[in-house]
Amino acid sequence: SAPPGVVTIRNSRVANGTMSGNAYHNTVFNGSTSMLDFADGDVVRFRTNWREAPVEIRAHLGGHLVHSAPPHSRTYYVEREFVLWPPYIDPGQWLEMRRRLPPPGSGRTTLDVLNAELARLGDFGRETLGPCLSMPRLLFGSKDSLPGDGSGYVPLAPPGFRDGDYVTLRYRHHALKEGHVNKYQKAIVDVSRLPVDYFDGEAESIHIPIKYHCRRDPPRWSASLLRVHHYLDSWEAYSYRNDARAAKRNCRECYDEKGKEAAEGSSDVVRHWLGGFVAAVGEAKAKELLAGAGSFVRLE
């Protein structure tokens, strides 16, 4: 805990050399806190001599004393809330949320679902459920299924469409859930709930775009409200991109190894979307919107 007379900073974050957080008095001076220029819970900001918080503050439990830069030099106790912040939703609550997910074709969007759950959670939900929601992912491999191969495969594309043109219909085999091959979580951010200055500084990675709000430890696959299917796709699709990862993407051995690791189970849970989409917009409009699906033009 903070030494006597030292202000505690909670919910701290650092951007471009400025630390901010909620300040709390730890000592009452003669029955009042008039010696300080803020009330309990107020947000304070002060300059530091580092752009991002040192590893000691980022990585350890407990707290650390920091000194603000002149002209208003003051000592603060920065509380490190690795376990408590962002606050957790317990697995039972996640499972209850999953049971309330609407069926495909209900017309409800992801935002509709999240807003409904926020309303149920009340004020507690503003931080526990976003504004950044981290989701576990599951790798789907390159193993094809054929009718009668014993895998339970049934073509689901409506007349005039082919399963083979859509990666989410073609590939059913996936890695072990929560296995290492699935790698990092994905995140979605509701930017309408964040002030502009939260986007200052650098993201930790594309998987943790907002350091303060995005969890490094998403819920387990079995209990997560939302999940991400991550597709290896065909060798043609995997290798055609000419981007920063082109060298890895041209490694056929690497591709084949990933494919083997992503063949531990199968799922048809997302394969029904195309039929519902065609029913919703009509065959002609669906073909217009999906024109070129399954084709790969070499990017130079």
C-alpha atoms as a PDB file:
ATOM      1  CA  SER A   1       0.000   0.000   0.000  1.00  0.00           C
ATOM      2  CA  ALA A   2       0.980   3.649  -0.325  1.00  0.00           C
ATOM      3  CA  PRO A   3       3.192   5.284   2.308  1.00  0.00           C
ATOM      4  CA  PRO A   4       1.433   7.814   4.591  1.00  0.00           C
ATOM      5  CA  GLY A   5       0.646  11.068   2.812  1.00  0.00           C
ATOM      6  CA  VAL A   6       1.345   9.720  -0.685  1.00  0.00           C
ATOM      7  CA  VAL A   7      -1.489   9.842  -3.222  1.00  0.00           C
ATOM      8  CA  THR A   8      -2.535   6.538  -4.833  1.00  0.00           C
ATOM      9  CA  ILE A   9      -3.085   6.394  -8.597  1.00  0.00           C
ATOM     10  CA  ARG A  10      -5.397   3.658  -9.832  1.00  0.00           C
ATOM     11  CA  ASN A  11      -6.415   2.649 -13.369  1.00  0.00           C
ATOM     12  CA  SER A  12      -3.172   4.203 -14.618  1.00  0.00           C
ATOM     13  CA  ARG A  13      -2.096   4.416 -18.226  1.00  0.00           C
ATOM     14  CA  VAL A  14       0.769   6.067 -20.090  1.00  0.00           C
ATOM     15  CA  ALA A  15       0.767   7.739 -23.493  1.00  0.00           C
ATOM     16  CA  ASN A  16       3.564   9.871 -24.956  1.00  0.00           C
ATOM     17  CA  GLY A  17       5.244  10.470 -21.618  1.00  0.00           C
ATOM     18  CA  THR A  18       2.082  11.454 -19.735  1.00  0.00           C
ATOM     19  CA  MET A  19       0.647   9.266 -16.996  1.00  0.00           C
ATOM     20  CA  SER A  20      -2.998   9.574 -16.061  1.00  0.00           C
ATOM     21  CA  GLY A  21      -5.306   7.796 -13.654  1.00  0.00           C
ATOM     22  CA  ASN A  22      -7.762   8.182 -10.794  1.00  0.00           C
ATOM     23  CA  ALA A  23      -6.189   9.754  -7.715  1.00  0.00           C
ATOM     24  CA  TYR A  24      -7.112   8.865  -4.142  1.00  0.00           C
ATOM     25  CA  HIS A  25      -6.013  10.538  -0.885  1.00  0.00           C
ATOM     26  CA  ASN A  26      -4.436   8.281   1.680  1.00  0.00           C
ATOM     27  CA  THR A  27      -4.038  10.791   4.485  1.00  0.00           C
ATOM     28  CA  VAL A  28      -6.510  13.278   5.930  1.00  0.00           C
ATOM     29  CA  PHE A  29      -4.824  16.483   7.053  1.00  0.00           C
ATOM     30  CA  ASN A  30      -6.526  18.009  10.119  1.00  0.00           C
ATOM     31  CA  GLY A  31      -9.876  16.517   9.144  1.00  0.00           C
ATOM     32  CA  SER A  32      -9.750  17.623   5.510  1.00  0.00           C
ATOM     33  CA  THR A  33      -7.954  17.057   2.243  1.00  0.00           C
ATOM     34  CA  SER A  34      -7.741  20.734   1.367  1.00  0.00           C
ATOM     35  CA  MET A  35      -3.967  20.526   0.931  1.00  0.00           C
ATOM     36  CA  LEU A  36      -4.541  18.642  -2.331  1.00  0.00           C
ATOM     37  CA  ASP A  37      -6.056  20.165  -5.458  1.00  0.00           C
ATOM     38  CA  PHE A  38      -8.315  17.255  -6.418  1.00  0.00           C
ATOM     39  CA  ALA A  39     -11.086  15.138  -4.939  1.00  0.00           C
ATOM     40  CA  ASP A  40     -11.007  11.369  -4.472  1.00  0.00           C
ATOM     41  CA  GLY A  41     -11.462   9.633  -7.828  1.00  0.00           C
ATOM     42  CA  ASP A  42     -10.570  12.663  -9.949  1.00  0.00           C
ATOM     43  CA  VAL A  43      -8.441  12.015 -13.019  1.00  0.00           C
ATOM     44  CA  VAL A  44      -4.973  13.515 -12.737  1.00  0.00           C
ATOM     45  CA  ARG A  45      -2.313  13.790 -15.431  1.00  0.00           C
ATOM     46  CA  PHE A  46       1.373  14.448 -15.039  1.00  0.00           C
ATOM     47  CA  ARG A  47       4.505  14.313 -17.128  1.00  0.00           C
ATOM     48  CA  THR A  48       7.116  11.599 -16.649  1.00  0.00           C
ATOM     49  CA  ASN A  49      10.562  11.076 -18.106  1.00  0.00           C
ATOM     50  CA  TRP A  50       9.542   7.933 -20.027  1.00  0.00           C
ATOM     51  CA  ARG A  51       7.311   7.455 -23.043  1.00  0.00           C
ATOM     52  CA  GLU A  52       5.834   4.126 -21.878  1.00  0.00           C
ATOM     53  CA  ALA A  53       5.593   2.748 -18.347  1.00  0.00           C
ATOM     54  CA  PRO A  54       8.712   0.829 -17.213  1.00  0.00           C
ATOM     55  CA  VAL A  55       8.509  -2.935 -17.172  1.00  0.00           C
ATOM     56  CA  GLU A  56       8.347  -2.927 -13.358  1.00  0.00           C
ATOM     57  CA  ILE A  57       5.030  -1.095 -13.483  1.00  0.00           C
ATOM     58  CA  ARG A  58       3.683  -3.104 -16.402  1.00  0.00           C
ATOM     59  CA  ALA A  59       4.610  -6.573 -15.198  1.00  0.00           C
ATOM     60  CA  HIS A  60       4.412  -6.827 -11.414  1.00  0.00           C
ATOM     61  CA  LEU A  61       1.694  -6.860  -8.796  1.00  0.00           C
ATOM     62  CA  GLY A  62       1.652  -4.306  -6.005  1.00  0.00           C
ATOM     63  CA  GLY A  63       2.663  -0.748  -6.782  1.00  0.00           C
ATOM     64  CA  HIS A  64       5.530   1.655  -7.374  1.00  0.00           C
ATOM     65  CA  LEU A  65       6.437   5.162  -6.300  1.00  0.00           C
ATOM     66  CA  VAL A  66       6.824   7.624  -9.152  1.00  0.00           C
ATOM     67  CA  HIS A  67       7.696  11.294  -9.142  1.00  0.00           C
ATOM     68  CA  SER A  68       6.006  13.742 -11.488  1.00  0.00           C
ATOM     69  CA  ALA A  69       8.218  16.082 -13.472  1.00  0.00           C
ATOM     70  CA  PRO A  70       8.538  19.810 -12.583  1.00  0.00           C
ATOM     71  CA  PRO A  71       6.987  22.299 -12.153  1.00  0.00           C
ATOM     72  CA  HIS A  72       4.451  20.405  -9.990  1.00  0.00           C
ATOM     73  CA  SER A  73       6.746  17.758  -8.577  1.00  0.00           C
ATOM     74  CA  ARG A  74       4.835  15.293  -6.422  1.00  0.00           C
ATOM     75  CA  THR A  75       5.246  11.675  -5.376  1.00  0.00           C
ATOM     76  CA  TYR A  76       2.516   9.207  -6.313  1.00  0.00           C
ATOM     77  CA  TYR A  77       1.971   5.562  -5.525  1.00  0.00           C
ATOM     78  CA  VAL A  78       0.921   3.889  -8.801  1.00  0.00           C
ATOM     79  CA  GLU A  79      -1.117   0.822  -7.978  1.00  0.00           C
ATOM     80  CA  ARG A  80      -0.554  -2.067 -10.323  1.00  0.00           C
ATOM     81  CA  GLU A  81      -3.852  -3.908 -10.847  1.00  0.00           C
ATOM     82  CA  PHE A  82      -2.811  -6.705 -13.164  1.00  0.00           C
ATOM     83  CA  VAL A  83      -5.341  -9.109 -11.645  1.00  0.00           C
ATOM     84  CA  LEU A  84      -8.166  -6.659 -11.071  1.00  0.00           C
ATOM     85  CA  TRP A  85      -8.013  -4.425 -14.149  1.00  0.00           C
ATOM     86  CA  PRO A  86      -9.749  -4.614 -16.473  1.00  0.00           C
ATOM     87  CA  PRO A  87     -12.124  -6.397 -14.062  1.00  0.00           C
ATOM     88  CA  TYR A  88     -12.949  -9.988 -14.870  1.00  0.00           C
ATOM     89  CA  ILE A  89     -16.274 -11.505 -15.757  1.00  0.00           C
ATOM     90  CA  ASP A  90     -16.384 -14.932 -14.156  1.00  0.00           C
ATOM     91  CA  PRO A  91     -16.832 -18.048 -16.354  1.00  0.00           C
ATOM     92  CA  GLY A  92     -20.381 -18.582 -15.138  1.00  0.00           C
ATOM     93  CA  GLN A  93     -21.406 -15.143 -16.389  1.00  0.00           C
ATOM     94  CA  TRP A  94     -19.715 -15.741 -19.751  1.00  0.00           C
ATOM     95  CA  LEU A  95     -21.604 -19.020 -20.164  1.00  0.00           C
ATOM     96  CA  GLU A  96     -24.916 -17.339 -19.321  1.00  0.00           C
ATOM     97  CA  MET A  97     -24.193 -14.729 -21.983  1.00  0.00           C
ATOM     98  CA  ARG A  98     -23.436 -17.418 -24.548  1.00  0.00           C
ATOM     99  CA  ARG A  99     -26.759 -19.097 -23.831  1.00  0.00           C
ATOM    100  CA  ARG A 100     -28.489 -15.798 -24.622  1.00  0.00           C
ATOM    101  CA  LEU A 101     -26.827 -15.419 -28.033  1.00  0.00           C
ATOM    102  CA  PRO A 102     -29.511 -15.003 -30.723  1.00  0.00           C
ATOM    103  CA  PRO A 103     -29.805 -17.630 -33.459  1.00  0.00           C
ATOM    104  CA  PRO A 104     -28.437 -16.896 -36.958  1.00  0.00           C
ATOM    105  CA  GLY A 105     -30.892 -14.914 -39.038  1.00  0.00           C
ATOM    106  CA  SER A 106     -32.374 -13.089 -36.043  1.00  0.00           C
ATOM    107  CA  GLY A 107     -31.361  -9.712 -37.482  1.00  0.00           C
ATOM    108  CA  ARG A 108     -29.467  -8.748 -34.329  1.00  0.00           C
ATOM    109  CA  THR A 109     -25.935  -7.417 -34.748  1.00  0.00           C
ATOM    110  CA  THR A 110     -22.878  -7.989 -32.571  1.00  0.00           C
ATOM    111  CA  LEU A 111     -23.324  -4.456 -31.230  1.00  0.00           C
ATOM    112  CA  ASP A 112     -26.953  -5.214 -30.336  1.00  0.00           C
ATOM    113  CA  VAL A 113     -25.820  -8.251 -28.341  1.00  0.00           C
ATOM    114  CA  LEU A 114     -23.043  -6.373 -26.521  1.00  0.00           C
ATOM    115  CA  ASN A 115     -25.309  -3.443 -25.646  1.00  0.00           C
ATOM    116  CA  ALA A 116     -27.919  -5.823 -24.222  1.00  0.00           C
ATOM    117  CA  GLU A 117     -25.309  -7.522 -22.046  1.00  0.00           C
ATOM    118  CA  LEU A 118     -23.932  -4.154 -20.923  1.00  0.00           C
ATOM    119  CA  ALA A 119     -27.412  -3.191 -19.769  1.00  0.00           C
ATOM    120  CA  ARG A 120     -27.637  -6.410 -17.723  1.00  0.00           C
ATOM    121  CA  LEU A 121     -24.249  -5.852 -16.100  1.00  0.00           C
ATOM    122  CA  GLY A 122     -24.933  -2.205 -15.216  1.00  0.00           C
ATOM    123  CA  ASP A 123     -22.039   0.130 -14.410  1.00  0.00           C
ATOM    124  CA  PHE A 124     -19.749  -2.848 -13.819  1.00  0.00           C
ATOM    125  CA  GLY A 125     -20.115  -3.750 -17.493  1.00  0.00           C
ATOM    126  CA  ARG A 126     -18.555  -0.595 -18.884  1.00  0.00           C
ATOM    127  CA  GLU A 127     -15.078  -1.993 -18.247  1.00  0.00           C
ATOM    128  CA  THR A 128     -15.639  -5.743 -18.012  1.00  0.00           C
ATOM    129  CA  LEU A 129     -17.313  -5.964 -21.422  1.00  0.00           C
ATOM    130  CA  GLY A 130     -15.292  -3.658 -23.565  1.00  0.00           C
ATOM    131  CA  PRO A 131     -14.689  -1.154 -24.979  1.00  0.00           C
ATOM    132  CA  CYS A 132     -12.076  -3.658 -26.141  1.00  0.00           C
ATOM    133  CA  LEU A 133     -13.232  -7.261 -26.208  1.00  0.00           C
ATOM    134  CA  SER A 134     -10.541  -9.925 -26.555  1.00  0.00           C
ATOM    135  CA  MET A 135     -11.630 -13.203 -28.130  1.00  0.00           C
ATOM    136  CA  PRO A 136      -9.918 -16.599 -28.432  1.00  0.00           C
ATOM    137  CA  ARG A 137      -9.394 -17.926 -31.933  1.00  0.00           C
ATOM    138  CA  LEU A 138      -9.502 -21.389 -33.466  1.00  0.00           C
ATOM    139  CA  LEU A 139      -7.382 -22.346 -36.475  1.00  0.00           C
ATOM    140  CA  PHE A 140      -9.151 -24.128 -39.328  1.00  0.00           C
ATOM    141  CA  GLY A 141      -6.831 -26.046 -41.626  1.00  0.00           C
ATOM    142  CA  SER A 142      -6.641 -26.978 -45.299  1.00  0.00           C
ATOM    143  CA  LYS A 143      -8.138 -30.476 -45.158  1.00  0.00           C
ATOM    144  CA  ASP A 144     -11.033 -30.829 -47.596  1.00  0.00           C
ATOM    145  CA  SER A 145     -14.161 -32.846 -46.891  1.00  0.00           C
ATOM    146  CA  LEU A 146     -16.101 -34.880 -49.440  1.00  0.00           C
ATOM    147  CA  PRO A 147     -19.573 -36.433 -49.343  1.00  0.00           C
ATOM    148  CA  GLY A 148     -19.326 -40.006 -48.093  1.00  0.00           C
ATOM    149  CA  ASP A 149     -15.832 -39.656 -46.603  1.00  0.00           C
ATOM    150  CA  GLY A 150     -17.118 -40.445 -43.110  1.00  0.00           C
ATOM    151  CA  SER A 151     -16.553 -36.932 -41.770  1.00  0.00           C
ATOM    152  CA  GLY A 152     -20.226 -35.974 -41.797  1.00  0.00           C
ATOM    153  CA  TYR A 153     -19.756 -33.432 -44.568  1.00  0.00           C
ATOM    154  CA  VAL A 154     -22.910 -32.196 -46.317  1.00  0.00           C
ATOM    155  CA  PRO A 155     -22.763 -29.448 -48.995  1.00  0.00           C
ATOM    156  CA  LEU A 156     -24.615 -26.386 -47.702  1.00  0.00           C
ATOM    157  CA  ALA A 157     -24.316 -23.860 -50.532  1.00  0.00           C
ATOM    158  CA  PRO A 158     -27.732 -23.047 -52.070  1.00  0.00           C
ATOM    159  CA  PRO A 159     -28.389 -23.665 -55.796  1.00  0.00           C
ATOM    160  CA  GLY A 160     -26.191 -21.479 -57.994  1.00  0.00           C
ATOM    161  CA  PHE A 161     -23.349 -21.379 -55.433  1.00  0.00           C
ATOM    162  CA  ARG A 162     -20.479 -23.736 -54.539  1.00  0.00           C
ATOM    163  CA  ASP A 163     -19.056 -24.615 -51.128  1.00  0.00           C
ATOM    164  CA  GLY A 164     -15.581 -24.578 -52.657  1.00  0.00           C
ATOM    165  CA  ASP A 165     -15.767 -20.838 -53.401  1.00  0.00           C
ATOM    166  CA  TYR A 166     -16.169 -19.875 -49.746  1.00  0.00           C
ATOM    167  CA  VAL A 167     -13.497 -20.668 -47.186  1.00  0.00           C
ATOM    168  CA  THR A 168     -16.041 -20.768 -44.344  1.00  0.00           C
ATOM    169  CA  LEU A 169     -18.069 -23.441 -46.165  1.00  0.00           C
ATOM    170  CA  ARG A 170     -15.181 -25.405 -47.636  1.00  0.00           C
ATOM    171  CA  TYR A 171     -13.034 -25.972 -44.533  1.00  0.00           C
ATOM    172  CA  ARG A 172     -14.493 -27.757 -41.494  1.00  0.00           C
ATOM    173  CA  HIS A 173     -11.448 -29.277 -39.776  1.00  0.00           C
ATOM    174  CA  HIS A 174      -9.799 -27.350 -36.970  1.00  0.00           C
ATOM    175  CA  ALA A 175      -7.071 -27.523 -34.317  1.00  0.00           C
ATOM    176  CA  LEU A 176      -7.551 -28.515 -30.710  1.00  0.00           C
ATOM    177  CA  LYS A 177      -9.487 -25.787 -28.944  1.00  0.00           C
ATOM    178  CA  GLU A 178      -7.168 -23.687 -26.769  1.00  0.00           C
ATOM    179  CA  GLY A 179      -4.155 -25.424 -28.366  1.00  0.00           C
ATOM    180  CA  HIS A 180      -0.919 -23.498 -28.907  1.00  0.00           C
ATOM    181  CA  VAL A 181      -1.286 -23.504 -32.690  1.00  0.00           C
ATOM    182  CA  ASN A 182      -4.275 -21.148 -32.390  1.00  0.00           C
ATOM    183  CA  LYS A 183      -1.872 -18.478 -31.126  1.00  0.00           C
ATOM    184  CA  TYR A 184      -2.935 -14.973 -30.174  1.00  0.00           C
ATOM    185  CA  GLN A 185      -6.371 -13.621 -29.394  1.00  0.00           C
ATOM    186  CA  LYS A 186      -8.226 -11.229 -31.670  1.00  0.00           C
ATOM    187  CA  ALA A 187      -9.845  -8.027 -30.446  1.00  0.00           C
ATOM    188  CA  ILE A 188     -12.741  -5.786 -31.415  1.00  0.00           C
ATOM    189  CA  VAL A 189     -12.888  -2.188 -30.168  1.00  0.00           C
ATOM    190  CA  ASP A 190     -15.969   0.005 -29.771  1.00  0.00           C
ATOM    191  CA  VAL A 191     -14.262   3.311 -30.586  1.00  0.00           C
ATOM    192  CA  SER A 192     -17.439   5.263 -29.732  1.00  0.00           C
ATOM    193  CA  ARG A 193     -16.731   4.507 -26.051  1.00  0.00           C
ATOM    194  CA  LEU A 194     -13.170   5.860 -26.060  1.00  0.00           C
ATOM    195  CA  PRO A 195     -11.898   9.455 -26.026  1.00  0.00           C
ATOM    196  CA  VAL A 196      -9.578  10.439 -28.852  1.00  0.00           C
ATOM    197  CA  ASP A 197      -6.505  10.660 -26.608  1.00  0.00           C
ATOM    198  CA  TYR A 198      -6.715   6.916 -25.921  1.00  0.00           C
ATOM    199  CA  PHE A 199      -5.351   6.408 -29.428  1.00  0.00           C
ATOM    200  CA  ASP A 200      -2.113   8.261 -28.686  1.00  0.00           C
ATOM    201  CA  GLY A 201       1.068   6.254 -28.496  1.00  0.00           C
ATOM    202  CA  GLU A 202       1.793   2.838 -29.930  1.00  0.00           C
ATOM    203  CA  ALA A 203      -0.273  -0.333 -29.846  1.00  0.00           C
ATOM    204  CA  GLU A 204       1.377  -3.285 -28.156  1.00  0.00           C
ATOM    205  CA  SER A 205       0.410  -5.358 -31.206  1.00  0.00           C
ATOM    206  CA  ILE A 206      -2.486  -5.806 -33.608  1.00  0.00           C
ATOM    207  CA  HIS A 207      -3.848  -8.316 -31.088  1.00  0.00           C
ATOM    208  CA  ILE A 208      -3.710  -5.762 -28.235  1.00  0.00           C
ATOM    209  CA  PRO A 209      -4.474  -2.470 -30.011  1.00  0.00           C
ATOM    210  CA  ILE A 210      -5.432  -0.512 -26.850  1.00  0.00           C
ATOM    211  CA  LYS A 211      -3.005  -1.460 -24.106  1.00  0.00           C
ATOM    212  CA  TYR A 212      -5.098  -0.324 -21.185  1.00  0.00           C
ATOM    213  CA  HIS A 213      -8.428  -1.899 -22.167  1.00  0.00           C
ATOM    214  CA  CYS A 214      -7.515  -5.001 -24.198  1.00  0.00           C
ATOM    215  CA  ARG A 215      -6.879  -8.132 -22.146  1.00  0.00           C
ATOM    216  CA  ARG A 216      -3.781 -10.216 -22.723  1.00  0.00           C
ATOM    217  CA  ASP A 217      -5.664 -13.202 -21.304  1.00  0.00           C
ATOM    218  CA  PRO A 218      -9.017 -13.619 -23.086  1.00  0.00           C
ATOM    219  CA  PRO A 219     -11.683 -15.992 -21.746  1.00  0.00           C
ATOM    220  CA  ARG A 220     -11.206 -19.663 -22.503  1.00  0.00           C
ATOM    221  CA  TRP A 221     -12.808 -20.921 -25.707  1.00  0.00           C
ATOM    222  CA  SER A 222     -15.444 -22.876 -23.794  1.00  0.00           C
ATOM    223  CA  ALA A 223     -16.700 -19.801 -21.945  1.00  0.00           C
ATOM    224  CA  SER A 224     -16.032 -16.867 -24.295  1.00  0.00           C
ATOM    225  CA  LEU A 225     -19.042 -14.856 -25.447  1.00  0.00           C
ATOM    226  CA  LEU A 226     -17.568 -14.311 -28.920  1.00  0.00           C
ATOM    227  CA  ARG A 227     -15.058 -16.509 -30.724  1.00  0.00           C
ATOM    228  CA  VAL A 228     -13.000 -16.167 -33.898  1.00  0.00           C
ATOM    229  CA  HIS A 229     -12.502 -18.799 -36.598  1.00  0.00           C
ATOM    230  CA  HIS A 230      -9.090 -18.292 -38.185  1.00  0.00           C
ATOM    231  CA  TYR A 231      -8.679 -19.970 -41.592  1.00  0.00           C
ATOM    232  CA  LEU A 232      -5.430 -21.271 -43.055  1.00  0.00           C
ATOM    233  CA  ASP A 233      -7.197 -21.553 -46.440  1.00  0.00           C
ATOM    234  CA  SER A 234      -5.819 -23.156 -49.609  1.00  0.00           C
ATOM    235  CA  TRP A 235      -2.126 -22.963 -50.544  1.00  0.00           C
ATOM    236  CA  GLU A 236      -3.057 -20.642 -53.412  1.00  0.00           C
ATOM    237  CA  ALA A 237      -4.817 -18.230 -51.046  1.00  0.00           C
ATOM    238  CA  TYR A 238      -2.153 -18.555 -48.328  1.00  0.00           C
ATOM    239  CA  SER A 239       0.794 -17.776 -50.596  1.00  0.00           C
ATOM    240  CA  TYR A 240      -0.564 -15.173 -52.989  1.00  0.00           C
ATOM    241  CA  ARG A 241      -0.267 -12.122 -50.727  1.00  0.00           C
ATOM    242  CA  ASN A 242       2.766  -9.918 -51.335  1.00  0.00           C
ATOM    243  CA  ASP A 243       3.075  -8.328 -47.881  1.00  0.00           C
ATOM    244  CA  ALA A 244       5.492  -8.145 -44.949  1.00  0.00           C
ATOM    245  CA  ARG A 245       4.982 -11.857 -44.258  1.00  0.00           C
ATOM    246  CA  ALA A 246       5.580 -12.967 -47.867  1.00  0.00           C
ATOM    247  CA  ALA A 247       8.691 -15.006 -46.988  1.00  0.00           C
ATOM    248  CA  LYS A 248       6.768 -17.113 -44.453  1.00  0.00           C
ATOM    249  CA  ARG A 249       3.791 -17.406 -46.745  1.00  0.00           C
ATOM    250  CA  ASN A 250       5.956 -18.948 -49.478  1.00  0.00           C
ATOM    251  CA  CYS A 251       7.111 -21.745 -47.166  1.00  0.00           C
ATOM    252  CA  ARG A 252       5.116 -24.784 -48.298  1.00  0.00           C
ATOM    253  CA  GLU A 253       6.560 -26.932 -45.527  1.00  0.00           C
ATOM    254  CA  CYS A 254       5.344 -24.419 -42.919  1.00  0.00           C
ATOM    255  CA  TYR A 255       1.906 -24.390 -44.515  1.00  0.00           C
ATOM    256  CA  ASP A 256       1.633 -28.188 -44.554  1.00  0.00           C
ATOM    257  CA  GLU A 257       2.703 -28.414 -40.903  1.00  0.00           C
ATOM    258  CA  LYS A 258       0.019 -25.939 -39.856  1.00  0.00           C
ATOM    259  CA  GLY A 259      -2.522 -27.917 -41.828  1.00  0.00           C
ATOM    260  CA  LYS A 260      -1.645 -31.105 -39.943  1.00  0.00           C
ATOM    261  CA  GLU A 261      -2.012 -29.357 -36.579  1.00  0.00           C
ATOM    262  CA  ALA A 262      -5.405 -27.998 -37.596  1.00  0.00           C
ATOM    263  CA  ALA A 263      -7.097 -31.346 -38.279  1.00  0.00           C
ATOM    264  CA  GLU A 264      -8.077 -32.489 -34.785  1.00  0.00           C
ATOM    265  CA  GLY A 265     -11.835 -31.915 -34.983  1.00  0.00           C
ATOM    266  CA  SER A 266     -14.561 -30.570 -37.250  1.00  0.00           C
ATOM    267  CA  SER A 267     -17.376 -28.036 -36.992  1.00  0.00           C
ATOM    268  CA  ASP A 268     -20.241 -26.860 -39.178  1.00  0.00           C
ATOM    269  CA  VAL A 269     -21.375 -24.065 -36.882  1.00  0.00           C
ATOM    270  CA  VAL A 270     -20.704 -21.189 -39.321  1.00  0.00           C
ATOM    271  CA  ARG A 271     -21.381 -23.027 -42.574  1.00  0.00           C
ATOM    272  CA  HIS A 272     -25.071 -22.114 -42.729  1.00  0.00           C
ATOM    273  CA  TRP A 273     -24.531 -18.401 -43.271  1.00  0.00           C
ATOM    274  CA  LEU A 274     -24.635 -18.431 -47.065  1.00  0.00           C
ATOM    275  CA  GLY A 275     -28.111 -19.931 -47.299  1.00  0.00           C
ATOM    276  CA  GLY A 276     -29.425 -17.320 -44.869  1.00  0.00           C
ATOM    277  CA  PHE A 277     -27.658 -14.520 -46.738  1.00  0.00           C
ATOM    278  CA  VAL A 278     -29.141 -15.537 -50.111  1.00  0.00           C
ATOM    279  CA  ALA A 279     -32.594 -15.834 -48.544  1.00  0.00           C
ATOM    280  CA  ALA A 280     -32.237 -12.343 -47.033  1.00  0.00           C
ATOM    281  CA  VAL A 281     -31.004 -10.392 -50.089  1.00  0.00           C
ATOM    282  CA  GLY A 282     -32.103 -12.580 -53.016  1.00  0.00           C
ATOM    283  CA  GLU A 283     -30.021 -14.711 -55.370  1.00  0.00           C
ATOM    284  CA  ALA A 284     -29.241 -11.953 -57.871  1.00  0.00           C
ATOM    285  CA  LYS A 285     -28.041  -9.473 -55.238  1.00  0.00           C
ATOM    286  CA  ALA A 286     -26.087 -12.174 -53.432  1.00  0.00           C
ATOM    287  CA  LYS A 287     -24.222 -13.093 -56.627  1.00  0.00           C
ATOM    288  CA  GLU A 288     -23.467  -9.426 -57.278  1.00  0.00           C
ATOM    289  CA  LEU A 289     -22.087  -8.879 -53.773  1.00  0.00           C
ATOM    290  CA  LEU A 290     -20.106 -12.136 -53.737  1.00  0.00           C
ATOM    291  CA  ALA A 291     -18.706 -11.856 -57.270  1.00  0.00           C
ATOM    292  CA  GLY A 292     -15.087 -13.045 -57.412  1.00  0.00           C
ATOM    293  CA  ALA A 293     -15.249 -15.106 -54.215  1.00  0.00           C
ATOM    294  CA  GLY A 294     -12.786 -17.984 -54.499  1.00  0.00           C
ATOM    295  CA  SER A 295     -10.620 -16.216 -57.115  1.00  0.00           C
ATOM    296  CA  PHE A 296      -7.153 -14.858 -56.353  1.00  0.00           C
ATOM    297  CA  VAL A 297      -5.520 -12.226 -58.529  1.00  0.00           C
ATOM    298  CA  ARG A 298      -1.767 -12.172 -58.056  1.00  0.00           C
ATOM    299  CA  LEU A 299      -0.730  -8.970 -56.266  1.00  0.00           C
ATOM    300  CA  GLU A 300       2.531  -7.452 -57.475  1.00  0.00           C
END
